[in-house]
PDB file of N, CA and C in Angstrom:
ATOM      1  N   MET A   1       0.847  -1.156   0.000  1.00  0.00           N
ATOM      2  CA  MET A   1       0.000   0.000   0.000  1.00  0.00           C
ATOM      3  C   MET A   1       0.901   1.230   0.000  1.00  0.00           C
ATOM      4  N   VAL A   2       0.511   2.246  -0.771  1.00  0.00           N
ATOM      5  CA  VAL A   2       1.290   3.490  -0.789  1.00  0.00           C
ATOM      6  C   VAL A   2       0.975   4.278   0.478  1.00  0.00           C
ATOM      7  N   THR A   3       2.019   4.598   1.247  1.00  0.00           N
ATOM      8  CA  THR A   3       1.821   5.379   2.469  1.00  0.00           C
ATOM      9  C   THR A   3       2.367   6.792   2.351  1.00  0.00           C
ATOM     10  N   ILE A   4       3.305   7.010   1.422  1.00  0.00           N
ATOM     11  CA  ILE A   4       3.791   8.366   1.116  1.00  0.00           C
ATOM     12  C   ILE A   4       3.804   8.501  -0.395  1.00  0.00           C
ATOM     13  N   TYR A   5       3.009   9.438  -0.908  1.00  0.00           N
ATOM     14  CA  TYR A   5       2.908   9.630  -2.355  1.00  0.00           C
ATOM     15  C   TYR A   5       4.090  10.420  -2.872  1.00  0.00           C
ATOM     16  N   GLY A   6       4.401  10.228  -4.139  1.00  0.00           N
ATOM     17  CA  GLY A   6       5.509  10.932  -4.754  1.00  0.00           C
ATOM     18  C   GLY A   6       5.694  10.461  -6.181  1.00  0.00           C
ATOM     19  N   VAL A   7       6.936  10.433  -6.647  1.00  0.00           N
ATOM     20  CA  VAL A   7       7.273   9.992  -7.995  1.00  0.00           C
ATOM     21  C   VAL A   7       8.015   8.666  -7.879  1.00  0.00           C
ATOM     22  N   THR A   8       7.545   7.657  -8.643  1.00  0.00           N
ATOM     23  CA  THR A   8       8.164   6.336  -8.559  1.00  0.00           C
ATOM     24  C   THR A   8       9.536   6.333  -9.219  1.00  0.00           C
ATOM     25  N   GLY A   9      10.339   5.337  -8.867  1.00  0.00           N
ATOM     26  CA  GLY A   9      11.689   5.202  -9.398  1.00  0.00           C
ATOM     27  C   GLY A   9      11.707   4.430 -10.708  1.00  0.00           C
ATOM     28  N   GLN A  10      12.890   4.002 -11.110  1.00  0.00           N
ATOM     29  CA  GLN A  10      13.077   3.319 -12.388  1.00  0.00           C
ATOM     30  C   GLN A  10      12.790   1.826 -12.310  1.00  0.00           C
ATOM     31  N   THR A  11      12.841   1.219 -11.115  1.00  0.00           N
ATOM     32  CA  THR A  11      12.610  -0.219 -10.964  1.00  0.00           C
ATOM     33  C   THR A  11      11.411  -0.469 -10.062  1.00  0.00           C
ATOM     34  N   ALA A  12      10.792  -1.635 -10.249  1.00  0.00           N
ATOM     35  CA  ALA A  12       9.623  -1.985  -9.436  1.00  0.00           C
ATOM     36  C   ALA A  12      10.036  -2.196  -7.981  1.00  0.00           C
ATOM     37  N   PRO A  13       9.234  -1.695  -7.028  1.00  0.00           N
ATOM     38  CA  PRO A  13       9.561  -1.895  -5.615  1.00  0.00           C
ATOM     39  C   PRO A  13       9.283  -3.330  -5.202  1.00  0.00           C
ATOM     40  N   LEU A  14      10.213  -3.952  -4.524  1.00  0.00           N
ATOM     41  CA  LEU A  14      10.043  -5.329  -4.068  1.00  0.00           C
ATOM     42  C   LEU A  14      10.430  -5.444  -2.601  1.00  0.00           C
ATOM     43  N   ALA A  15       9.567  -6.094  -1.835  1.00  0.00           N
ATOM     44  CA  ALA A  15       9.901  -6.426  -0.451  1.00  0.00           C
ATOM     45  C   ALA A  15      10.327  -7.898  -0.450  1.00  0.00           C
ATOM     46  N   ALA A  16      11.059  -8.291   0.564  1.00  0.00           N
ATOM     47  CA  ALA A  16      11.497  -9.688   0.673  1.00  0.00           C
ATOM     48  C   ALA A  16      10.282 -10.597   0.815  1.00  0.00           C
ATOM     49  N   ALA A  17      10.374 -11.803   0.265  1.00  0.00           N
ATOM     50  CA  ALA A  17       9.276 -12.764   0.389  1.00  0.00           C
ATOM     51  C   ALA A  17       8.994 -13.023   1.859  1.00  0.00           C
ATOM     52  N   GLY A  18       7.731 -12.944   2.238  1.00  0.00           N
ATOM     53  CA  GLY A  18       7.343 -13.175   3.626  1.00  0.00           C
ATOM     54  C   GLY A  18       7.669 -12.012   4.546  1.00  0.00           C
ATOM     55  N   ALA A  19       7.865 -10.810   3.981  1.00  0.00           N
ATOM     56  CA  ALA A  19       8.182  -9.639   4.806  1.00  0.00           C
ATOM     57  C   ALA A  19       7.051  -9.373   5.798  1.00  0.00           C
ATOM     58  N   ALA A  20       7.401  -8.956   6.990  1.00  0.00           N
ATOM     59  CA  ALA A  20       6.423  -8.700   8.042  1.00  0.00           C
ATOM     60  C   ALA A  20       5.584  -7.475   7.708  1.00  0.00           C
ATOM     61  N   ALA A  21       4.343  -7.481   8.179  1.00  0.00           N
ATOM     62  CA  ALA A  21       3.472  -6.323   7.997  1.00  0.00           C
ATOM     63  C   ALA A  21       4.131  -5.098   8.623  1.00  0.00           C
ATOM     64  N   GLY A  22       4.065  -3.972   7.918  1.00  0.00           N
ATOM     65  CA  GLY A  22       4.671  -2.741   8.406  1.00  0.00           C
ATOM     66  C   GLY A  22       6.032  -2.462   7.788  1.00  0.00           C
ATOM     67  N   THR A  23       6.615  -3.443   7.088  1.00  0.00           N
ATOM     68  CA  THR A  23       7.885  -3.237   6.400  1.00  0.00           C
ATOM     69  C   THR A  23       7.682  -2.206   5.300  1.00  0.00           C
ATOM     70  N   THR A  24       8.606  -1.242   5.185  1.00  0.00           N
ATOM     71  CA  THR A  24       8.480  -0.214   4.154  1.00  0.00           C
ATOM     72  C   THR A  24       9.525  -0.410   3.068  1.00  0.00           C
ATOM     73  N   VAL A  25       9.153  -0.033   1.842  1.00  0.00           N
ATOM     74  CA  VAL A  25      10.042  -0.100   0.684  1.00  0.00           C
ATOM     75  C   VAL A  25       9.972   1.255  -0.009  1.00  0.00           C
ATOM     76  N   THR A  26      11.127   1.868  -0.250  1.00  0.00           N
ATOM     77  CA  THR A  26      11.173   3.163  -0.915  1.00  0.00           C
ATOM     78  C   THR A  26      11.331   2.960  -2.414  1.00  0.00           C
ATOM     79  N   ASP A  27      10.531   3.689  -3.181  1.00  0.00           N
ATOM     80  CA  ASP A  27      10.518   3.602  -4.633  1.00  0.00           C
ATOM     81  C   ASP A  27      10.558   5.035  -5.162  1.00  0.00           C
ATOM     82  N   GLY A  28      11.751   5.552  -5.444  1.00  0.00           N
ATOM     83  CA  GLY A  28      11.880   6.974  -5.779  1.00  0.00           C
ATOM     84  C   GLY A  28      11.527   7.777  -4.538  1.00  0.00           C
ATOM     85  N   SER A  29      10.496   8.629  -4.639  1.00  0.00           N
ATOM     86  CA  SER A  29      10.042   9.359  -3.448  1.00  0.00           C
ATOM     87  C   SER A  29       8.756   8.760  -2.878  1.00  0.00           C
ATOM     88  N   VAL A  30       8.306   7.630  -3.437  1.00  0.00           N
ATOM     89  CA  VAL A  30       7.113   6.929  -2.947  1.00  0.00           C
ATOM     90  C   VAL A  30       7.537   5.897  -1.913  1.00  0.00           C
ATOM     91  N   VAL A  31       6.747   5.768  -0.846  1.00  0.00           N
ATOM     92  CA  VAL A  31       7.018   4.742   0.170  1.00  0.00           C
ATOM     93  C   VAL A  31       5.843   3.770   0.186  1.00  0.00           C
ATOM     94  N   TRP A  32       6.155   2.493   0.003  1.00  0.00           N
ATOM     95  CA  TRP A  32       5.176   1.412   0.039  1.00  0.00           C
ATOM     96  C   TRP A  32       5.292   0.710   1.384  1.00  0.00           C
ATOM     97  N   THR A  33       4.166   0.283   1.952  1.00  0.00           N
ATOM     98  CA  THR A  33       4.167  -0.432   3.226  1.00  0.00           C
ATOM     99  C   THR A  33       3.495  -1.785   3.045  1.00  0.00           C
ATOM    100  N   VAL A  34       4.159  -2.848   3.509  1.00  0.00           N
ATOM    101  CA  VAL A  34       3.604  -4.202   3.430  1.00  0.00           C
ATOM    102  C   VAL A  34       2.428  -4.286   4.397  1.00  0.00           C
ATOM    103  N   GLN A  35       1.302  -4.841   3.901  1.00  0.00           N
ATOM    104  CA  GLN A  35       0.094  -4.965   4.712  1.00  0.00           C
ATOM    105  C   GLN A  35      -0.052  -6.367   5.274  1.00  0.00           C
ATOM    106  N   ASP A  36      -0.779  -6.472   6.358  1.00  0.00           N
ATOM    107  CA  ASP A  36      -1.076  -7.767   6.965  1.00  0.00           C
ATOM    108  C   ASP A  36      -2.001  -8.543   6.025  1.00  0.00           C
ATOM    109  N   PRO A  37      -1.627  -9.759   5.589  1.00  0.00           N
ATOM    110  CA  PRO A  37      -2.490 -10.503   4.657  1.00  0.00           C
ATOM    111  C   PRO A  37      -3.833 -10.887   5.262  1.00  0.00           C
ATOM    112  N   ASN A  38      -3.952 -10.862   6.586  1.00  0.00           N
ATOM    113  CA  ASN A  38      -5.224 -11.169   7.242  1.00  0.00           C
ATOM    114  C   ASN A  38      -5.969  -9.912   7.664  1.00  0.00           C
ATOM    115  N   GLY A  39      -5.458  -8.761   7.264  1.00  0.00           N
ATOM    116  CA  GLY A  39      -6.080  -7.496   7.636  1.00  0.00           C
ATOM    117  C   GLY A  39      -7.159  -7.077   6.655  1.00  0.00           C
ATOM    118  N   VAL A  40      -7.696  -5.900   6.876  1.00  0.00           N
ATOM    119  CA  VAL A  40      -8.759  -5.350   6.042  1.00  0.00           C
ATOM    120  C   VAL A  40      -8.235  -4.097   5.364  1.00  0.00           C
ATOM    121  N   ALA A  41      -8.518  -3.947   4.084  1.00  0.00           N
ATOM    122  CA  ALA A  41      -8.099  -2.764   3.345  1.00  0.00           C
ATOM    123  C   ALA A  41      -9.317  -2.094   2.727  1.00  0.00           C
ATOM    124  N   LEU A  42      -9.294  -0.786   2.655  1.00  0.00           N
ATOM    125  CA  LEU A  42     -10.359  -0.020   2.022  1.00  0.00           C
ATOM    126  C   LEU A  42      -9.776   0.731   0.838  1.00  0.00           C
ATOM    127  N   ARG A  43     -10.501   0.753  -0.261  1.00  0.00           N
ATOM    128  CA  ARG A  43     -10.081   1.522  -1.429  1.00  0.00           C
ATOM    129  C   ARG A  43     -10.957   2.757  -1.521  1.00  0.00           C
ATOM    130  N   VAL A  44     -10.334   3.900  -1.725  1.00  0.00           N
ATOM    131  CA  VAL A  44     -11.043   5.164  -1.834  1.00  0.00           C
ATOM    132  C   VAL A  44     -10.669   5.769  -3.171  1.00  0.00           C
ATOM    133  N   GLY A  45     -11.655   6.247  -3.914  1.00  0.00           N
ATOM    134  CA  GLY A  45     -11.371   6.848  -5.209  1.00  0.00           C
ATOM    135  C   GLY A  45     -12.252   8.053  -5.451  1.00  0.00           C
ATOM    136  N   ALA A  46     -11.717   9.022  -6.189  1.00  0.00           N
ATOM    137  CA  ALA A  46     -12.495  10.204  -6.531  1.00  0.00           C
ATOM    138  C   ALA A  46     -13.589   9.823  -7.509  1.00  0.00           C
ATOM    139  N   MET A  47     -14.738  10.461  -7.394  1.00  0.00           N
ATOM    140  CA  MET A  47     -15.834  10.229  -8.329  1.00  0.00           C
ATOM    141  C   MET A  47     -15.415  10.716  -9.707  1.00  0.00           C
ATOM    142  N   ALA A  48     -16.002  10.138 -10.736  1.00  0.00           N
ATOM    143  CA  ALA A  48     -15.627  10.463 -12.108  1.00  0.00           C
ATOM    144  C   ALA A  48     -16.334  11.723 -12.594  1.00  0.00           C
ATOM    145  N   THR A  49     -16.106  12.837 -11.924  1.00  0.00           N
ATOM    146  CA  THR A  49     -16.649  14.119 -12.362  1.00  0.00           C
ATOM    147  C   THR A  49     -15.487  15.080 -12.537  1.00  0.00           C
ATOM    148  N   PHE A  50     -15.662  16.064 -13.355  1.00  0.00           N
ATOM    149  CA  PHE A  50     -14.588  17.009 -13.660  1.00  0.00           C
ATOM    150  C   PHE A  50     -14.240  17.837 -12.428  1.00  0.00           C
ATOM    151  N   GLN A  51     -13.019  17.743 -11.968  1.00  0.00           N
ATOM    152  CA  GLN A  51     -12.485  18.485 -10.818  1.00  0.00           C
ATOM    153  C   GLN A  51     -13.351  18.326  -9.571  1.00  0.00           C
ATOM    154  N   SER A  52     -13.807  17.100  -9.325  1.00  0.00           N
ATOM    155  CA  SER A  52     -14.692  16.839  -8.202  1.00  0.00           C
ATOM    156  C   SER A  52     -13.923  16.738  -6.893  1.00  0.00           C
ATOM    157  N   LEU A  53     -14.563  17.158  -5.836  1.00  0.00           N
ATOM    158  CA  LEU A  53     -14.025  16.960  -4.493  1.00  0.00           C
ATOM    159  C   LEU A  53     -14.814  15.887  -3.758  1.00  0.00           C
ATOM    160  N   VAL A  54     -15.658  15.170  -4.490  1.00  0.00           N
ATOM    161  CA  VAL A  54     -16.470  14.106  -3.910  1.00  0.00           C
ATOM    162  C   VAL A  54     -15.716  12.797  -3.997  1.00  0.00           C
ATOM    163  N   TRP A  55     -15.690  12.055  -2.893  1.00  0.00           N
ATOM    164  CA  TRP A  55     -15.015  10.762  -2.845  1.00  0.00           C
ATOM    165  C   TRP A  55     -16.048   9.690  -2.573  1.00  0.00           C
ATOM    166  N   GLU A  56     -15.804   8.509  -3.096  1.00  0.00           N
ATOM    167  CA  GLU A  56     -16.711   7.392  -2.924  1.00  0.00           C
ATOM    168  C   GLU A  56     -16.022   6.285  -2.142  1.00  0.00           C
ATOM    169  N   MET A  57     -16.724   5.748  -1.150  1.00  0.00           N
ATOM    170  CA  MET A  57     -16.218   4.594  -0.406  1.00  0.00           C
ATOM    171  C   MET A  57     -17.292   3.521  -0.439  1.00  0.00           C
ATOM    172  N   ARG A  58     -16.926   2.348  -0.911  1.00  0.00           N
ATOM    173  CA  ARG A  58     -17.832   1.208  -0.868  1.00  0.00           C
ATOM    174  C   ARG A  58     -17.206   0.174   0.047  1.00  0.00           C
ATOM    175  N   VAL A  59     -17.801  -0.004   1.189  1.00  0.00           N
ATOM    176  CA  VAL A  59     -17.270  -0.943   2.164  1.00  0.00           C
ATOM    177  C   VAL A  59     -18.180  -2.166   2.184  1.00  0.00           C
ATOM    178  N   LEU A  60     -17.664  -3.271   1.691  1.00  0.00           N
ATOM    179  CA  LEU A  60     -18.377  -4.540   1.697  1.00  0.00           C
ATOM    180  C   LEU A  60     -17.467  -5.563   2.354  1.00  0.00           C
ATOM    181  N   TYR A  61     -17.933  -6.143   3.425  1.00  0.00           N
ATOM    182  CA  TYR A  61     -17.080  -7.083   4.135  1.00  0.00           C
ATOM    183  C   TYR A  61     -17.934  -8.085   4.875  1.00  0.00           C
ATOM    184  N   GLN A  62     -17.569  -9.321   4.770  1.00  0.00           N
ATOM    185  CA  GLN A  62     -18.161 -10.350   5.605  1.00  0.00           C
ATOM    186  C   GLN A  62     -17.114 -11.434   5.797  1.00  0.00           C
ATOM    187  N   GLN A  63     -16.901 -11.789   7.029  1.00  0.00           N
ATOM    188  CA  GLN A  63     -15.908 -12.809   7.347  1.00  0.00           C
ATOM    189  C   GLN A  63     -16.367 -14.163   6.822  1.00  0.00           C
ATOM    190  N   LYS A  64     -15.420 -14.944   6.323  1.00  0.00           N
ATOM    191  CA  LYS A  64     -15.734 -16.280   5.838  1.00  0.00           C
ATOM    192  C   LYS A  64     -16.179 -17.160   6.999  1.00  0.00           C
ATOM    193  N   PRO A  65     -17.018 -18.165   6.717  1.00  0.00           N
ATOM    194  CA  PRO A  65     -17.489 -19.030   7.800  1.00  0.00           C
ATOM    195  C   PRO A  65     -16.356 -19.897   8.340  1.00  0.00           C
ATOM    196  N   PRO A  66     -16.456 -20.290   9.602  1.00  0.00           N
ATOM    197  CA  PRO A  66     -15.417 -21.153  10.183  1.00  0.00           C
ATOM    198  C   PRO A  66     -15.541 -22.571   9.637  1.00  0.00           C
ATOM    199  N   ASN A  67     -14.467 -23.335   9.731  1.00  0.00           N
ATOM    200  CA  ASN A  67     -14.519 -24.761   9.397  1.00  0.00           C
ATOM    201  C   ASN A  67     -15.312 -25.466  10.484  1.00  0.00           C
ATOM    202  N   ILE A  68     -16.269 -26.258  10.086  1.00  0.00           N
ATOM    203  CA  ILE A  68     -17.102 -26.987  11.047  1.00  0.00           C
ATOM    204  C   ILE A  68     -16.317 -28.203  11.526  1.00  0.00           C
ATOM    205  N   THR A  69     -16.103 -28.272  12.827  1.00  0.00           N
ATOM    206  CA  THR A  69     -15.316 -29.362  13.400  1.00  0.00           C
ATOM    207  C   THR A  69     -16.126 -30.260  14.323  1.00  0.00           C
ATOM    208  N   SER A  70     -17.374 -29.860  14.636  1.00  0.00           N
ATOM    209  CA  SER A  70     -18.233 -30.712  15.468  1.00  0.00           C
ATOM    210  C   SER A  70     -19.685 -30.540  15.025  1.00  0.00           C
ATOM    211  N   LEU A  71     -20.527 -31.491  15.385  1.00  0.00           N
ATOM    212  CA  LEU A  71     -21.933 -31.435  14.989  1.00  0.00           C
ATOM    213  C   LEU A  71     -22.722 -30.394  15.762  1.00  0.00           C
ATOM    214  N   THR A  72     -22.170 -29.884  16.841  1.00  0.00           N
ATOM    215  CA  THR A  72     -22.879 -28.873  17.624  1.00  0.00           C
ATOM    216  C   THR A  72     -22.511 -27.451  17.193  1.00  0.00           C
ATOM    217  N   GLN A  73     -21.551 -27.302  16.321  1.00  0.00           N
ATOM    218  CA  GLN A  73     -21.095 -25.986  15.871  1.00  0.00           C
ATOM    219  C   GLN A  73     -22.055 -25.418  14.821  1.00  0.00           C
ATOM    220  N   THR A  74     -22.267 -24.109  14.857  1.00  0.00           N
ATOM    221  CA  THR A  74     -23.144 -23.464  13.874  1.00  0.00           C
ATOM    222  C   THR A  74     -22.329 -22.519  12.995  1.00  0.00           C
ATOM    223  N   ILE A  75     -22.958 -22.028  11.920  1.00  0.00           N
ATOM    224  CA  ILE A  75     -22.307 -21.034  11.071  1.00  0.00           C
ATOM    225  C   ILE A  75     -23.056 -19.707  11.157  1.00  0.00           C
ATOM    226  N   ALA A  76     -23.787 -19.495  12.253  1.00  0.00           N
ATOM    227  CA  ALA A  76     -24.554 -18.268  12.424  1.00  0.00           C
ATOM    228  C   ALA A  76     -23.619 -17.092  12.670  1.00  0.00           C
ATOM    229  N   PRO A  77     -23.861 -15.939  12.073  1.00  0.00           N
ATOM    230  CA  PRO A  77     -24.877 -15.703  11.060  1.00  0.00           C
ATOM    231  C   PRO A  77     -24.474 -16.352   9.740  1.00  0.00           C
ATOM    232  N   ILE A  78     -25.444 -16.660   8.927  1.00  0.00           N
ATOM    233  CA  ILE A  78     -25.187 -17.353   7.662  1.00  0.00           C
ATOM    234  C   ILE A  78     -24.406 -16.427   6.732  1.00  0.00           C
ATOM    235  N   PRO A  79     -23.245 -16.849   6.254  1.00  0.00           N
ATOM    236  CA  PRO A  79     -22.451 -16.014   5.354  1.00  0.00           C
ATOM    237  C   PRO A  79     -23.159 -15.791   4.023  1.00  0.00           C
ATOM    238  N   ASP A  80     -23.002 -14.611   3.452  1.00  0.00           N
ATOM    239  CA  ASP A  80     -23.630 -14.294   2.172  1.00  0.00           C
ATOM    240  C   ASP A  80     -23.259 -15.297   1.092  1.00  0.00           C
ATOM    241  N   ALA A  81     -22.018 -15.762   1.103  1.00  0.00           N
ATOM    242  CA  ALA A  81     -21.549 -16.681   0.067  1.00  0.00           C
ATOM    243  C   ALA A  81     -22.274 -18.030   0.123  1.00  0.00           C
ATOM    244  N   LEU A  82     -22.858 -18.373   1.256  1.00  0.00           N
ATOM    245  CA  LEU A  82     -23.540 -19.662   1.402  1.00  0.00           C
ATOM    246  C   LEU A  82     -25.053 -19.502   1.546  1.00  0.00           C
ATOM    247  N   ASN A  83     -25.557 -18.298   1.380  1.00  0.00           N
ATOM    248  CA  ASN A  83     -26.969 -18.019   1.567  1.00  0.00           C
ATOM    249  C   ASN A  83     -27.851 -18.836   0.626  1.00  0.00           C
ATOM    250  N   TYR A  84     -27.388 -19.080  -0.596  1.00  0.00           N
ATOM    251  CA  TYR A  84     -28.211 -19.817  -1.556  1.00  0.00           C
ATOM    252  C   TYR A  84     -28.456 -21.250  -1.094  1.00  0.00           C
ATOM    253  N   PHE A  85     -27.530 -21.851  -0.352  1.00  0.00           N
ATOM    254  CA  PHE A  85     -27.753 -23.195   0.182  1.00  0.00           C
ATOM    255  C   PHE A  85     -28.939 -23.200   1.144  1.00  0.00           C
ATOM    256  N   VAL A  86     -28.988 -22.201   1.994  1.00  0.00           N
ATOM    257  CA  VAL A  86     -30.060 -22.119   2.981  1.00  0.00           C
ATOM    258  C   VAL A  86     -31.398 -21.907   2.283  1.00  0.00           C
ATOM    259  N   LYS A  87     -31.431 -21.015   1.287  1.00  0.00           N
ATOM    260  CA  LYS A  87     -32.679 -20.776   0.548  1.00  0.00           C
ATOM    261  C   LYS A  87     -33.150 -22.053  -0.145  1.00  0.00           C
ATOM    262  N   GLN A  88     -32.224 -22.783  -0.775  1.00  0.00           N
ATOM    263  CA  GLN A  88     -32.593 -24.031  -1.450  1.00  0.00           C
ATOM    264  C   GLN A  88     -33.115 -25.056  -0.442  1.00  0.00           C
ATOM    265  N   GLY A  89     -32.530 -25.109   0.736  1.00  0.00           N
ATOM    266  CA  GLY A  89     -32.991 -26.033   1.771  1.00  0.00           C
ATOM    267  C   GLY A  89     -34.410 -25.719   2.211  1.00  0.00           C
ATOM    268  N   PHE A  90     -34.727 -24.426   2.402  1.00  0.00           N
ATOM    269  CA  PHE A  90     -36.080 -24.046   2.782  1.00  0.00           C
ATOM    270  C   PHE A  90     -37.069 -24.360   1.669  1.00  0.00           C
ATOM    271  N   LEU A  91     -36.678 -24.089   0.424  1.00  0.00           N
ATOM    272  CA  LEU A  91     -37.576 -24.375  -0.698  1.00  0.00           C
ATOM    273  C   LEU A  91     -37.846 -25.865  -0.825  1.00  0.00           C
ATOM    274  N   CYS A  92     -36.822 -26.694  -0.680  1.00  0.00           N
ATOM    275  CA  CYS A  92     -37.009 -28.145  -0.755  1.00  0.00           C
ATOM    276  C   CYS A  92     -37.894 -28.635   0.382  1.00  0.00           C
ATOM    277  N   GLY A  93     -37.649 -28.152   1.577  1.00  0.00           N
ATOM    278  CA  GLY A  93     -38.450 -28.558   2.728  1.00  0.00           C
ATOM    279  C   GLY A  93     -39.900 -28.142   2.573  1.00  0.00           C
ATOM    280  N   ARG A  94     -40.130 -26.978   2.000  1.00  0.00           N
ATOM    281  CA  ARG A  94     -41.489 -26.491   1.798  1.00  0.00           C
ATOM    282  C   ARG A  94     -42.208 -27.329   0.743  1.00  0.00           C
ATOM    283  N   LEU A  95     -41.503 -27.675  -0.331  1.00  0.00           N
ATOM    284  CA  LEU A  95     -42.114 -28.467  -1.390  1.00  0.00           C
ATOM    285  C   LEU A  95     -42.401 -29.893  -0.947  1.00  0.00           C
ATOM    286  N   LEU A  96     -41.510 -30.483  -0.168  1.00  0.00           N
ATOM    287  CA  LEU A  96     -41.659 -31.876   0.243  1.00  0.00           C
ATOM    288  C   LEU A  96     -42.356 -32.042   1.573  1.00  0.00           C
ATOM    289  N   GLY A  97     -42.512 -30.969   2.326  1.00  0.00           N
ATOM    290  CA  GLY A  97     -43.036 -31.047   3.682  1.00  0.00           C
ATOM    291  C   GLY A  97     -44.456 -31.572   3.787  1.00  0.00           C
ATOM    292  N   GLY A  98     -45.320 -31.280   2.825  1.00  0.00           N
ATOM    293  CA  GLY A  98     -46.714 -31.699   2.919  1.00  0.00           C
ATOM    294  C   GLY A  98     -47.015 -33.016   2.220  1.00  0.00           C
ATOM    295  N   ARG A  99     -46.063 -33.569   1.518  1.00  0.00           N
ATOM    296  CA  ARG A  99     -46.334 -34.797   0.742  1.00  0.00           C
ATOM    297  C   ARG A  99     -46.114 -36.045   1.585  1.00  0.00           C
ATOM    298  N   GLY A 100     -47.008 -36.989   1.409  1.00  0.00           N
ATOM    299  CA  GLY A 100     -46.843 -38.278   2.060  1.00  0.00           C
ATOM    300  C   GLY A 100     -47.250 -38.292   3.515  1.00  0.00           C
ATOM    301  N   ARG A 101     -47.810 -37.226   4.014  1.00  0.00           N
ATOM    302  CA  ARG A 101     -48.220 -37.183   5.418  1.00  0.00           C
ATOM    303  C   ARG A 101     -49.737 -37.383   5.509  1.00  0.00           C
ATOM    304  N   THR A 102     -50.174 -37.974   6.584  1.00  0.00           N
ATOM    305  CA  THR A 102     -51.618 -38.185   6.782  1.00  0.00           C
ATOM    306  C   THR A 102     -52.130 -37.362   7.902  1.00  0.00           C
TER     307      THR A 102
END
């Protein structure tokens, strides 16, 4: 992530493989900082209007569900990525729920 803006140098900035979060790399007058791979990043960009001072932030985040390791463990709240499974389960149960019963 760029932490100090400026003019980049002649070669691509490279940090050592597996560099710790917070390590800085200088590229001309630009300073890049290594981010935590398990952290959260936000992108901010100017709106596409002529000489605008309006900025847009779209923050969308949901943590991935945990690995289920026991039958008593839940995935509540239901992750967005798996929501369609739950909807299909309700639809199947609703369609089959009244059949074959007396």
